[in-house]
Amino acid sequence: MLKPDPKDFAEVVHKIVRMIPQGRATSYGAIAKAIGYPNMSRMVGRVMSECNSAKNGIPAHRVVNSGGVLSGKGAFGNPGEMQKLLEEEGIIVVNDKIKRWKTIFWDPIEEIKI
């Protein structure tokens, strides 16, 4: 677990999101917990909505809510863009929810050492 200085919060969130393997996804809450702020999943969501993933190479489409729902799809401009990007990686999405979420879920606490 890494607890960043609050001013570095977005930078650390971006670092974790860049580590999510292609074809996998994680949740806002899992990222918040991994960086030592378990009650700040909404702040992770805000960071994701402002990251300009196309410009910065941050795969924000791989971050969803704790149930595997594409709750941040509005941040992609086109409401179908997030689903399209996930499906290009082999992730099946039905009714704005990732199928087989427990299999697709990538837990940053178990997978990374920051």
PDB file of N, CA and C in Angstrom:
ATOM      1  N   MET A   1       0.847  -1.170   0.000  1.00  0.00           N
ATOM      2  CA  MET A   1       0.000   0.000   0.000  1.00  0.00           C
ATOM      3  C   MET A   1       0.895   1.237   0.000  1.00  0.00           C
ATOM      4  N   LEU A   2       0.530   2.186  -0.817  1.00  0.00           N
ATOM      5  CA  LEU A   2       1.251   3.449  -0.900  1.00  0.00           C
ATOM      6  C   LEU A   2       0.289   4.572  -0.591  1.00  0.00           C
ATOM      7  N   LYS A   3       0.635   5.411   0.360  1.00  0.00           N
ATOM      8  CA  LYS A   3      -0.239   6.539   0.699  1.00  0.00           C
ATOM      9  C   LYS A   3       0.451   7.809   0.214  1.00  0.00           C
ATOM     10  N   PRO A   4       0.045   8.302  -0.961  1.00  0.00           N
ATOM     11  CA  PRO A   4       0.705   9.479  -1.518  1.00  0.00           C
ATOM     12  C   PRO A   4       0.304  10.759  -0.802  1.00  0.00           C
ATOM     13  N   ASP A   5       1.127  11.738  -0.954  1.00  0.00           N
ATOM     14  CA  ASP A   5       0.779  13.085  -0.527  1.00  0.00           C
ATOM     15  C   ASP A   5      -0.460  13.463  -1.333  1.00  0.00           C
ATOM     16  N   PRO A   6      -1.448  14.102  -0.732  1.00  0.00           N
ATOM     17  CA  PRO A   6      -2.674  14.438  -1.477  1.00  0.00           C
ATOM     18  C   PRO A   6      -2.426  15.156  -2.802  1.00  0.00           C
ATOM     19  N   LYS A   7      -1.395  15.978  -2.888  1.00  0.00           N
ATOM     20  CA  LYS A   7      -1.131  16.676  -4.149  1.00  0.00           C
ATOM     21  C   LYS A   7      -0.641  15.719  -5.239  1.00  0.00           C
ATOM     22  N   ASP A   8      -0.158  14.543  -4.841  1.00  0.00           N
ATOM     23  CA  ASP A   8       0.315  13.547  -5.803  1.00  0.00           C
ATOM     24  C   ASP A   8      -0.734  12.475  -6.090  1.00  0.00           C
ATOM     25  N   PHE A   9      -1.921  12.633  -5.536  1.00  0.00           N
ATOM     26  CA  PHE A   9      -2.983  11.631  -5.644  1.00  0.00           C
ATOM     27  C   PHE A   9      -3.229  11.234  -7.098  1.00  0.00           C
ATOM     28  N   ALA A  10      -3.460  12.201  -7.963  1.00  0.00           N
ATOM     29  CA  ALA A  10      -3.763  11.907  -9.373  1.00  0.00           C
ATOM     30  C   ALA A  10      -2.605  11.194 -10.048  1.00  0.00           C
ATOM     31  N   GLU A  11      -1.397  11.609  -9.756  1.00  0.00           N
ATOM     32  CA  GLU A  11      -0.224  10.975 -10.368  1.00  0.00           C
ATOM     33  C   GLU A  11      -0.126   9.502  -9.995  1.00  0.00           C
ATOM     34  N   VAL A  12      -0.383   9.187  -8.728  1.00  0.00           N
ATOM     35  CA  VAL A  12      -0.314   7.791  -8.276  1.00  0.00           C
ATOM     36  C   VAL A  12      -1.469   6.980  -8.873  1.00  0.00           C
ATOM     37  N   VAL A  13      -2.644   7.568  -8.955  1.00  0.00           N
ATOM     38  CA  VAL A  13      -3.778   6.885  -9.596  1.00  0.00           C
ATOM     39  C   VAL A  13      -3.419   6.570 -11.048  1.00  0.00           C
ATOM     40  N   HIS A  14      -2.883   7.524 -11.766  1.00  0.00           N
ATOM     41  CA  HIS A  14      -2.488   7.296 -13.164  1.00  0.00           C
ATOM     42  C   HIS A  14      -1.456   6.182 -13.268  1.00  0.00           C
ATOM     43  N   LYS A  15      -0.510   6.144 -12.348  1.00  0.00           N
ATOM     44  CA  LYS A  15       0.527   5.104 -12.358  1.00  0.00           C
ATOM     45  C   LYS A  15      -0.102   3.713 -12.249  1.00  0.00           C
ATOM     46  N   ILE A  16      -1.053   3.563 -11.331  1.00  0.00           N
ATOM     47  CA  ILE A  16      -1.718   2.267 -11.166  1.00  0.00           C
ATOM     48  C   ILE A  16      -2.527   1.921 -12.412  1.00  0.00           C
ATOM     49  N   VAL A  17      -3.271   2.877 -12.945  1.00  0.00           N
ATOM     50  CA  VAL A  17      -4.122   2.598 -14.109  1.00  0.00           C
ATOM     51  C   VAL A  17      -3.270   2.165 -15.297  1.00  0.00           C
ATOM     52  N   ARG A  18      -2.106   2.744 -15.457  1.00  0.00           N
ATOM     53  CA  ARG A  18      -1.213   2.327 -16.555  1.00  0.00           C
ATOM     54  C   ARG A  18      -0.726   0.889 -16.392  1.00  0.00           C
ATOM     55  N   MET A  19      -0.792   0.351 -15.176  1.00  0.00           N
ATOM     56  CA  MET A  19      -0.343  -1.019 -14.901  1.00  0.00           C
ATOM     57  C   MET A  19      -1.419  -2.075 -15.160  1.00  0.00           C
ATOM     58  N   ILE A  20      -2.655  -1.663 -15.319  1.00  0.00           N
ATOM     59  CA  ILE A  20      -3.735  -2.643 -15.523  1.00  0.00           C
ATOM     60  C   ILE A  20      -3.479  -3.356 -16.850  1.00  0.00           C
ATOM     61  N   PRO A  21      -3.366  -4.677 -16.813  1.00  0.00           N
ATOM     62  CA  PRO A  21      -3.095  -5.409 -18.053  1.00  0.00           C
ATOM     63  C   PRO A  21      -4.239  -5.299 -19.060  1.00  0.00           C
ATOM     64  N   GLN A  22      -3.887  -5.353 -20.308  1.00  0.00           N
ATOM     65  CA  GLN A  22      -4.892  -5.363 -21.373  1.00  0.00           C
ATOM     66  C   GLN A  22      -5.799  -6.569 -21.155  1.00  0.00           C
ATOM     67  N   GLY A  23      -7.105  -6.365 -21.344  1.00  0.00           N
ATOM     68  CA  GLY A  23      -8.066  -7.448 -21.161  1.00  0.00           C
ATOM     69  C   GLY A  23      -8.521  -7.620 -19.724  1.00  0.00           C
ATOM     70  N   ARG A  24      -8.074  -6.742 -18.845  1.00  0.00           N
ATOM     71  CA  ARG A  24      -8.476  -6.777 -17.429  1.00  0.00           C
ATOM     72  C   ARG A  24      -9.023  -5.403 -17.054  1.00  0.00           C
ATOM     73  N   ALA A  25      -9.673  -5.309 -15.917  1.00  0.00           N
ATOM     74  CA  ALA A  25     -10.221  -4.043 -15.431  1.00  0.00           C
ATOM     75  C   ALA A  25     -10.200  -4.051 -13.911  1.00  0.00           C
ATOM     76  N   THR A  26     -10.287  -2.881 -13.341  1.00  0.00           N
ATOM     77  CA  THR A  26     -10.333  -2.763 -11.886  1.00  0.00           C
ATOM     78  C   THR A  26     -11.386  -1.726 -11.514  1.00  0.00           C
ATOM     79  N   SER A  27     -11.519  -1.494 -10.222  1.00  0.00           N
ATOM     80  CA  SER A  27     -12.544  -0.552  -9.770  1.00  0.00           C
ATOM     81  C   SER A  27     -11.913   0.681  -9.132  1.00  0.00           C
ATOM     82  N   TYR A  28     -12.706   1.733  -9.074  1.00  0.00           N
ATOM     83  CA  TYR A  28     -12.268   2.969  -8.416  1.00  0.00           C
ATOM     84  C   TYR A  28     -11.876   2.669  -6.969  1.00  0.00           C
ATOM     85  N   GLY A  29     -12.700   1.883  -6.292  1.00  0.00           N
ATOM     86  CA  GLY A  29     -12.449   1.552  -4.890  1.00  0.00           C
ATOM     87  C   GLY A  29     -11.191   0.737  -4.682  1.00  0.00           C
ATOM     88  N   ALA A  30     -10.904  -0.199  -5.588  1.00  0.00           N
ATOM     89  CA  ALA A  30      -9.695  -1.009  -5.464  1.00  0.00           C
ATOM     90  C   ALA A  30      -8.449  -0.140  -5.600  1.00  0.00           C
ATOM     91  N   ILE A  31      -8.507   0.834  -6.498  1.00  0.00           N
ATOM     92  CA  ILE A  31      -7.373   1.752  -6.650  1.00  0.00           C
ATOM     93  C   ILE A  31      -7.236   2.599  -5.395  1.00  0.00           C
ATOM     94  N   ALA A  32      -8.339   3.147  -4.892  1.00  0.00           N
ATOM     95  CA  ALA A  32      -8.294   3.974  -3.690  1.00  0.00           C
ATOM     96  C   ALA A  32      -7.705   3.195  -2.516  1.00  0.00           C
ATOM     97  N   LYS A  33      -8.119   1.962  -2.362  1.00  0.00           N
ATOM     98  CA  LYS A  33      -7.618   1.127  -1.278  1.00  0.00           C
ATOM     99  C   LYS A  33      -6.123   0.856  -1.445  1.00  0.00           C
ATOM    100  N   ALA A  34      -5.696   0.593  -2.670  1.00  0.00           N
ATOM    101  CA  ALA A  34      -4.291   0.277  -2.946  1.00  0.00           C
ATOM    102  C   ALA A  34      -3.357   1.442  -2.629  1.00  0.00           C
ATOM    103  N   ILE A  35      -3.861   2.662  -2.721  1.00  0.00           N
ATOM    104  CA  ILE A  35      -2.989   3.808  -2.454  1.00  0.00           C
ATOM    105  C   ILE A  35      -3.193   4.378  -1.045  1.00  0.00           C
ATOM    106  N   GLY A  36      -3.957   3.668  -0.231  1.00  0.00           N
ATOM    107  CA  GLY A  36      -4.080   4.051   1.162  1.00  0.00           C
ATOM    108  C   GLY A  36      -5.194   5.022   1.487  1.00  0.00           C
ATOM    109  N   TYR A  37      -6.106   5.230   0.554  1.00  0.00           N
ATOM    110  CA  TYR A  37      -7.255   6.107   0.772  1.00  0.00           C
ATOM    111  C   TYR A  37      -8.536   5.329   0.449  1.00  0.00           C
ATOM    112  N   PRO A  38      -8.879   4.328   1.261  1.00  0.00           N
ATOM    113  CA  PRO A  38     -10.002   3.447   0.918  1.00  0.00           C
ATOM    114  C   PRO A  38     -11.353   4.129   0.798  1.00  0.00           C
ATOM    115  N   ASN A  39     -11.511   5.299   1.342  1.00  0.00           N
ATOM    116  CA  ASN A  39     -12.795   5.993   1.267  1.00  0.00           C
ATOM    117  C   ASN A  39     -12.846   7.045   0.170  1.00  0.00           C
ATOM    118  N   MET A  40     -11.887   7.007  -0.736  1.00  0.00           N
ATOM    119  CA  MET A  40     -11.818   8.048  -1.765  1.00  0.00           C
ATOM    120  C   MET A  40     -12.022   7.520  -3.178  1.00  0.00           C
ATOM    121  N   SER A  41     -12.879   6.512  -3.322  1.00  0.00           N
ATOM    122  CA  SER A  41     -13.137   5.965  -4.653  1.00  0.00           C
ATOM    123  C   SER A  41     -13.747   7.008  -5.583  1.00  0.00           C
ATOM    124  N   ARG A  42     -14.551   7.904  -5.053  1.00  0.00           N
ATOM    125  CA  ARG A  42     -15.135   8.960  -5.896  1.00  0.00           C
ATOM    126  C   ARG A  42     -14.064   9.909  -6.415  1.00  0.00           C
ATOM    127  N   MET A  43     -13.058  10.149  -5.604  1.00  0.00           N
ATOM    128  CA  MET A  43     -11.956  10.997  -6.052  1.00  0.00           C
ATOM    129  C   MET A  43     -11.176  10.298  -7.168  1.00  0.00           C
ATOM    130  N   VAL A  44     -11.015   8.980  -7.068  1.00  0.00           N
ATOM    131  CA  VAL A  44     -10.379   8.230  -8.151  1.00  0.00           C
ATOM    132  C   VAL A  44     -11.219   8.390  -9.414  1.00  0.00           C
ATOM    133  N   GLY A  45     -12.527   8.298  -9.275  1.00  0.00           N
ATOM    134  CA  GLY A  45     -13.414   8.496 -10.420  1.00  0.00           C
ATOM    135  C   GLY A  45     -13.251   9.867 -11.040  1.00  0.00           C
ATOM    136  N   ARG A  46     -13.126  10.871 -10.215  1.00  0.00           N
ATOM    137  CA  ARG A  46     -12.927  12.231 -10.721  1.00  0.00           C
ATOM    138  C   ARG A  46     -11.595  12.337 -11.472  1.00  0.00           C
ATOM    139  N   VAL A  47     -10.550  11.748 -10.923  1.00  0.00           N
ATOM    140  CA  VAL A  47      -9.244  11.754 -11.595  1.00  0.00           C
ATOM    141  C   VAL A  47      -9.357  11.075 -12.957  1.00  0.00           C
ATOM    142  N   MET A  48     -10.085   9.964 -13.005  1.00  0.00           N
ATOM    143  CA  MET A  48     -10.249   9.250 -14.273  1.00  0.00           C
ATOM    144  C   MET A  48     -11.032  10.090 -15.279  1.00  0.00           C
ATOM    145  N   SER A  49     -12.023  10.798 -14.821  1.00  0.00           N
ATOM    146  CA  SER A  49     -12.844  11.590 -15.743  1.00  0.00           C
ATOM    147  C   SER A  49     -12.094  12.787 -16.314  1.00  0.00           C
ATOM    148  N   GLU A  50     -11.026  13.173 -15.660  1.00  0.00           N
ATOM    149  CA  GLU A  50     -10.256  14.339 -16.096  1.00  0.00           C
ATOM    150  C   GLU A  50      -8.908  13.988 -16.723  1.00  0.00           C
ATOM    151  N   CYS A  51      -8.638  12.710 -16.947  1.00  0.00           N
ATOM    152  CA  CYS A  51      -7.274  12.326 -17.334  1.00  0.00           C
ATOM    153  C   CYS A  51      -6.966  12.441 -18.821  1.00  0.00           C
ATOM    154  N   ASN A  52      -7.953  12.636 -19.682  1.00  0.00           N
ATOM    155  CA  ASN A  52      -7.728  12.716 -21.124  1.00  0.00           C
ATOM    156  C   ASN A  52      -6.898  11.519 -21.601  1.00  0.00           C
ATOM    157  N   SER A  53      -7.471  10.348 -21.449  1.00  0.00           N
ATOM    158  CA  SER A  53      -6.752   9.109 -21.727  1.00  0.00           C
ATOM    159  C   SER A  53      -6.234   8.999 -23.153  1.00  0.00           C
ATOM    160  N   ALA A  54      -6.943   9.538 -24.113  1.00  0.00           N
ATOM    161  CA  ALA A  54      -6.481   9.467 -25.504  1.00  0.00           C
ATOM    162  C   ALA A  54      -5.172  10.225 -25.672  1.00  0.00           C
ATOM    163  N   LYS A  55      -5.043  11.343 -25.006  1.00  0.00           N
ATOM    164  CA  LYS A  55      -3.839  12.170 -25.126  1.00  0.00           C
ATOM    165  C   LYS A  55      -2.686  11.636 -24.273  1.00  0.00           C
ATOM    166  N   ASN A  56      -2.996  11.129 -23.075  1.00  0.00           N
ATOM    167  CA  ASN A  56      -1.960  10.741 -22.120  1.00  0.00           C
ATOM    168  C   ASN A  56      -1.659   9.251 -22.062  1.00  0.00           C
ATOM    169  N   GLY A  57      -2.355   8.447 -22.836  1.00  0.00           N
ATOM    170  CA  GLY A  57      -2.094   7.010 -22.843  1.00  0.00           C
ATOM    171  C   GLY A  57      -2.511   6.308 -21.558  1.00  0.00           C
ATOM    172  N   ILE A  58      -3.425   6.894 -20.830  1.00  0.00           N
ATOM    173  CA  ILE A  58      -3.908   6.292 -19.593  1.00  0.00           C
ATOM    174  C   ILE A  58      -5.177   5.508 -19.929  1.00  0.00           C
ATOM    175  N   PRO A  59      -5.169   4.178 -19.743  1.00  0.00           N
ATOM    176  CA  PRO A  59      -6.329   3.364 -20.138  1.00  0.00           C
ATOM    177  C   PRO A  59      -7.488   3.468 -19.148  1.00  0.00           C
ATOM    178  N   ALA A  60      -8.081   4.649 -19.071  1.00  0.00           N
ATOM    179  CA  ALA A  60      -9.171   4.907 -18.126  1.00  0.00           C
ATOM    180  C   ALA A  60     -10.366   3.997 -18.361  1.00  0.00           C
ATOM    181  N   HIS A  61     -10.511   3.467 -19.566  1.00  0.00           N
ATOM    182  CA  HIS A  61     -11.636   2.578 -19.860  1.00  0.00           C
ATOM    183  C   HIS A  61     -11.575   1.296 -19.040  1.00  0.00           C
ATOM    184  N   ARG A  62     -10.425   0.987 -18.454  1.00  0.00           N
ATOM    185  CA  ARG A  62     -10.257  -0.221 -17.654  1.00  0.00           C
ATOM    186  C   ARG A  62     -10.646  -0.022 -16.194  1.00  0.00           C
ATOM    187  N   VAL A  63     -11.191   1.140 -15.862  1.00  0.00           N
ATOM    188  CA  VAL A  63     -11.599   1.415 -14.485  1.00  0.00           C
ATOM    189  C   VAL A  63     -13.109   1.629 -14.454  1.00  0.00           C
ATOM    190  N   VAL A  64     -13.784   0.790 -13.667  1.00  0.00           N
ATOM    191  CA  VAL A  64     -15.243   0.796 -13.586  1.00  0.00           C
ATOM    192  C   VAL A  64     -15.665   0.780 -12.116  1.00  0.00           C
ATOM    193  N   ASN A  65     -16.955   0.705 -11.855  1.00  0.00           N
ATOM    194  CA  ASN A  65     -17.366   0.661 -10.452  1.00  0.00           C
ATOM    195  C   ASN A  65     -17.192  -0.752  -9.885  1.00  0.00           C
ATOM    196  N   SER A  66     -17.450  -0.899  -8.605  1.00  0.00           N
ATOM    197  CA  SER A  66     -17.157  -2.159  -7.916  1.00  0.00           C
ATOM    198  C   SER A  66     -17.984  -3.343  -8.400  1.00  0.00           C
ATOM    199  N   GLY A  67     -19.056  -3.088  -9.114  1.00  0.00           N
ATOM    200  CA  GLY A  67     -19.868  -4.169  -9.664  1.00  0.00           C
ATOM    201  C   GLY A  67     -19.563  -4.475 -11.119  1.00  0.00           C
ATOM    202  N   GLY A  68     -18.552  -3.805 -11.675  1.00  0.00           N
ATOM    203  CA  GLY A  68     -18.195  -4.018 -13.079  1.00  0.00           C
ATOM    204  C   GLY A  68     -19.031  -3.192 -14.041  1.00  0.00           C
ATOM    205  N   VAL A  69     -19.743  -2.198 -13.532  1.00  0.00           N
ATOM    206  CA  VAL A  69     -20.595  -1.349 -14.360  1.00  0.00           C
ATOM    207  C   VAL A  69     -19.778  -0.184 -14.914  1.00  0.00           C
ATOM    208  N   LEU A  70     -20.011   0.146 -16.170  1.00  0.00           N
ATOM    209  CA  LEU A  70     -19.302   1.226 -16.848  1.00  0.00           C
ATOM    210  C   LEU A  70     -19.880   2.574 -16.417  1.00  0.00           C
ATOM    211  N   SER A  71     -19.708   2.912 -15.172  1.00  0.00           N
ATOM    212  CA  SER A  71     -20.313   4.122 -14.616  1.00  0.00           C
ATOM    213  C   SER A  71     -19.639   5.396 -15.115  1.00  0.00           C
ATOM    214  N   GLY A  72     -18.425   5.319 -15.629  1.00  0.00           N
ATOM    215  CA  GLY A  72     -17.717   6.502 -16.103  1.00  0.00           C
ATOM    216  C   GLY A  72     -17.771   6.710 -17.597  1.00  0.00           C
ATOM    217  N   LYS A  73     -18.670   6.026 -18.272  1.00  0.00           N
ATOM    218  CA  LYS A  73     -18.699   6.089 -19.733  1.00  0.00           C
ATOM    219  C   LYS A  73     -18.971   7.481 -20.277  1.00  0.00           C
ATOM    220  N   GLY A  74     -19.616   8.328 -19.495  1.00  0.00           N
ATOM    221  CA  GLY A  74     -19.911   9.686 -19.932  1.00  0.00           C
ATOM    222  C   GLY A  74     -18.662  10.534 -20.148  1.00  0.00           C
ATOM    223  N   ALA A  75     -17.565  10.168 -19.490  1.00  0.00           N
ATOM    224  CA  ALA A  75     -16.323  10.930 -19.608  1.00  0.00           C
ATOM    225  C   ALA A  75     -15.615  10.700 -20.937  1.00  0.00           C
ATOM    226  N   PHE A  76     -16.108   9.764 -21.727  1.00  0.00           N
ATOM    227  CA  PHE A  76     -15.451   9.438 -22.987  1.00  0.00           C
ATOM    228  C   PHE A  76     -16.029  10.185 -24.185  1.00  0.00           C
ATOM    229  N   GLY A  77     -16.933  11.122 -23.930  1.00  0.00           N
ATOM    230  CA  GLY A  77     -17.534  11.884 -25.021  1.00  0.00           C
ATOM    231  C   GLY A  77     -18.651  11.110 -25.686  1.00  0.00           C
ATOM    232  N   ASN A  78     -18.310  10.093 -26.408  1.00  0.00           N
ATOM    233  CA  ASN A  78     -19.263   9.195 -27.045  1.00  0.00           C
ATOM    234  C   ASN A  78     -19.633   8.122 -26.025  1.00  0.00           C
ATOM    235  N   PRO A  79     -20.903   7.955 -25.669  1.00  0.00           N
ATOM    236  CA  PRO A  79     -21.282   7.004 -24.632  1.00  0.00           C
ATOM    237  C   PRO A  79     -20.924   5.549 -24.938  1.00  0.00           C
ATOM    238  N   GLY A  80     -20.698   5.211 -26.193  1.00  0.00           N
ATOM    239  CA  GLY A  80     -20.318   3.838 -26.532  1.00  0.00           C
ATOM    240  C   GLY A  80     -18.815   3.611 -26.588  1.00  0.00           C
ATOM    241  N   GLU A  81     -18.031   4.658 -26.411  1.00  0.00           N
ATOM    242  CA  GLU A  81     -16.574   4.556 -26.566  1.00  0.00           C
ATOM    243  C   GLU A  81     -15.921   3.660 -25.521  1.00  0.00           C
ATOM    244  N   MET A  82     -16.314   3.771 -24.272  1.00  0.00           N
ATOM    245  CA  MET A  82     -15.719   2.960 -23.218  1.00  0.00           C
ATOM    246  C   MET A  82     -15.957   1.475 -23.487  1.00  0.00           C
ATOM    247  N   GLN A  83     -17.186   1.140 -23.849  1.00  0.00           N
ATOM    248  CA  GLN A  83     -17.505  -0.255 -24.157  1.00  0.00           C
ATOM    249  C   GLN A  83     -16.705  -0.729 -25.360  1.00  0.00           C
ATOM    250  N   LYS A  84     -16.602   0.091 -26.380  1.00  0.00           N
ATOM    251  CA  LYS A  84     -15.843  -0.263 -27.589  1.00  0.00           C
ATOM    252  C   LYS A  84     -14.387  -0.575 -27.238  1.00  0.00           C
ATOM    253  N   LEU A  85     -13.771   0.263 -26.424  1.00  0.00           N
ATOM    254  CA  LEU A  85     -12.371   0.047 -26.041  1.00  0.00           C
ATOM    255  C   LEU A  85     -12.202  -1.240 -25.243  1.00  0.00           C
ATOM    256  N   LEU A  86     -13.126  -1.518 -24.344  1.00  0.00           N
ATOM    257  CA  LEU A  86     -13.063  -2.764 -23.573  1.00  0.00           C
ATOM    258  C   LEU A  86     -13.249  -3.975 -24.485  1.00  0.00           C
ATOM    259  N   GLU A  87     -14.205  -3.888 -25.391  1.00  0.00           N
ATOM    260  CA  GLU A  87     -14.461  -5.013 -26.293  1.00  0.00           C
ATOM    261  C   GLU A  87     -13.282  -5.257 -27.235  1.00  0.00           C
ATOM    262  N   GLU A  88     -12.559  -4.213 -27.613  1.00  0.00           N
ATOM    263  CA  GLU A  88     -11.354  -4.382 -28.434  1.00  0.00           C
ATOM    264  C   GLU A  88     -10.285  -5.183 -27.705  1.00  0.00           C
ATOM    265  N   GLU A  89     -10.377  -5.221 -26.374  1.00  0.00           N
ATOM    266  CA  GLU A  89      -9.432  -5.988 -25.564  1.00  0.00           C
ATOM    267  C   GLU A  89      -9.983  -7.368 -25.192  1.00  0.00           C
ATOM    268  N   GLY A  90     -11.131  -7.717 -25.750  1.00  0.00           N
ATOM    269  CA  GLY A  90     -11.716  -9.031 -25.504  1.00  0.00           C
ATOM    270  C   GLY A  90     -12.646  -9.101 -24.308  1.00  0.00           C
ATOM    271  N   ILE A  91     -12.962  -7.974 -23.713  1.00  0.00           N
ATOM    272  CA  ILE A  91     -13.869  -7.938 -22.565  1.00  0.00           C
ATOM    273  C   ILE A  91     -15.304  -7.808 -23.081  1.00  0.00           C
ATOM    274  N   ILE A  92     -16.166  -8.692 -22.611  1.00  0.00           N
ATOM    275  CA  ILE A  92     -17.567  -8.672 -23.034  1.00  0.00           C
ATOM    276  C   ILE A  92     -18.361  -7.761 -22.098  1.00  0.00           C
ATOM    277  N   VAL A  93     -19.114  -6.845 -22.705  1.00  0.00           N
ATOM    278  CA  VAL A  93     -19.944  -5.911 -21.946  1.00  0.00           C
ATOM    279  C   VAL A  93     -21.386  -6.071 -22.405  1.00  0.00           C
ATOM    280  N   VAL A  94     -22.284  -6.278 -21.436  1.00  0.00           N
ATOM    281  CA  VAL A  94     -23.705  -6.414 -21.728  1.00  0.00           C
ATOM    282  C   VAL A  94     -24.460  -5.466 -20.803  1.00  0.00           C
ATOM    283  N   ASN A  95     -25.296  -4.611 -21.395  1.00  0.00           N
ATOM    284  CA  ASN A  95     -26.081  -3.636 -20.616  1.00  0.00           C
ATOM    285  C   ASN A  95     -25.191  -2.809 -19.687  1.00  0.00           C
ATOM    286  N   ASP A  96     -24.077  -2.323 -20.241  1.00  0.00           N
ATOM    287  CA  ASP A  96     -23.129  -1.468 -19.507  1.00  0.00           C
ATOM    288  C   ASP A  96     -22.450  -2.162 -18.330  1.00  0.00           C
ATOM    289  N   LYS A  97     -22.380  -3.481 -18.340  1.00  0.00           N
ATOM    290  CA  LYS A  97     -21.728  -4.223 -17.260  1.00  0.00           C
ATOM    291  C   LYS A  97     -20.787  -5.276 -17.847  1.00  0.00           C
ATOM    292  N   ILE A  98     -19.600  -5.377 -17.259  1.00  0.00           N
ATOM    293  CA  ILE A  98     -18.618  -6.367 -17.710  1.00  0.00           C
ATOM    294  C   ILE A  98     -19.090  -7.758 -17.316  1.00  0.00           C
ATOM    295  N   LYS A  99     -19.170  -8.654 -18.297  1.00  0.00           N
ATOM    296  CA  LYS A  99     -19.503 -10.065 -18.036  1.00  0.00           C
ATOM    297  C   LYS A  99     -18.288 -10.732 -17.419  1.00  0.00           C
ATOM    298  N   ARG A 100     -18.554 -11.679 -16.542  1.00  0.00           N
ATOM    299  CA  ARG A 100     -17.485 -12.416 -15.863  1.00  0.00           C
ATOM    300  C   ARG A 100     -16.573 -11.457 -15.089  1.00  0.00           C
ATOM    301  N   TRP A 101     -17.184 -10.478 -14.430  1.00  0.00           N
ATOM    302  CA  TRP A 101     -16.461  -9.429 -13.724  1.00  0.00           C
ATOM    303  C   TRP A 101     -15.422  -9.994 -12.747  1.00  0.00           C
ATOM    304  N   LYS A 102     -15.763 -11.033 -12.013  1.00  0.00           N
ATOM    305  CA  LYS A 102     -14.815 -11.584 -11.033  1.00  0.00           C
ATOM    306  C   LYS A 102     -13.575 -12.157 -11.703  1.00  0.00           C
ATOM    307  N   THR A 103     -13.701 -12.612 -12.931  1.00  0.00           N
ATOM    308  CA  THR A 103     -12.549 -13.131 -13.678  1.00  0.00           C
ATOM    309  C   THR A 103     -11.741 -11.999 -14.291  1.00  0.00           C
ATOM    310  N   ILE A 104     -12.408 -10.978 -14.750  1.00  0.00           N
ATOM    311  CA  ILE A 104     -11.761  -9.834 -15.406  1.00  0.00           C
ATOM    312  C   ILE A 104     -11.100  -8.905 -14.387  1.00  0.00           C
ATOM    313  N   PHE A 105     -11.643  -8.857 -13.173  1.00  0.00           N
ATOM    314  CA  PHE A 105     -11.169  -7.930 -12.152  1.00  0.00           C
ATOM    315  C   PHE A 105      -9.679  -8.117 -11.858  1.00  0.00           C
ATOM    316  N   TRP A 106      -8.949  -7.004 -11.877  1.00  0.00           N
ATOM    317  CA  TRP A 106      -7.524  -6.960 -11.545  1.00  0.00           C
ATOM    318  C   TRP A 106      -7.379  -6.200 -10.238  1.00  0.00           C
ATOM    319  N   ASP A 107      -6.831  -6.859  -9.218  1.00  0.00           N
ATOM    320  CA  ASP A 107      -6.702  -6.237  -7.906  1.00  0.00           C
ATOM    321  C   ASP A 107      -5.307  -5.641  -7.745  1.00  0.00           C
ATOM    322  N   PRO A 108      -5.203  -4.321  -7.724  1.00  0.00           N
ATOM    323  CA  PRO A 108      -3.883  -3.708  -7.633  1.00  0.00           C
ATOM    324  C   PRO A 108      -3.125  -4.064  -6.357  1.00  0.00           C
ATOM    325  N   ILE A 109      -3.826  -4.323  -5.265  1.00  0.00           N
ATOM    326  CA  ILE A 109      -3.138  -4.685  -4.009  1.00  0.00           C
ATOM    327  C   ILE A 109      -2.421  -6.011  -4.178  1.00  0.00           C
ATOM    328  N   GLU A 110      -3.032  -6.958  -4.842  1.00  0.00           N
ATOM    329  CA  GLU A 110      -2.424  -8.291  -5.024  1.00  0.00           C
ATOM    330  C   GLU A 110      -1.365  -8.313  -6.108  1.00  0.00           C
ATOM    331  N   GLU A 111      -1.471  -7.419  -7.056  1.00  0.00           N
ATOM    332  CA  GLU A 111      -0.633  -7.501  -8.255  1.00  0.00           C
ATOM    333  C   GLU A 111       0.557  -6.583  -8.320  1.00  0.00           C
ATOM    334  N   ILE A 112       0.555  -5.518  -7.555  1.00  0.00           N
ATOM    335  CA  ILE A 112       1.655  -4.557  -7.707  1.00  0.00           C
ATOM    336  C   ILE A 112       2.316  -4.245  -6.382  1.00  0.00           C
ATOM    337  N   LYS A 113       3.514  -3.805  -6.486  1.00  0.00           N
ATOM    338  CA  LYS A 113       4.279  -3.320  -5.336  1.00  0.00           C
ATOM    339  C   LYS A 113       4.719  -1.904  -5.684  1.00  0.00           C
ATOM    340  N   ILE A 114       4.086  -0.931  -5.074  1.00  0.00           N
ATOM    341  CA  ILE A 114       4.434   0.463  -5.373  1.00  0.00           C
ATOM    342  C   ILE A 114       5.352   0.970  -4.283  1.00  0.00           C
TER     343      ILE A 114
END
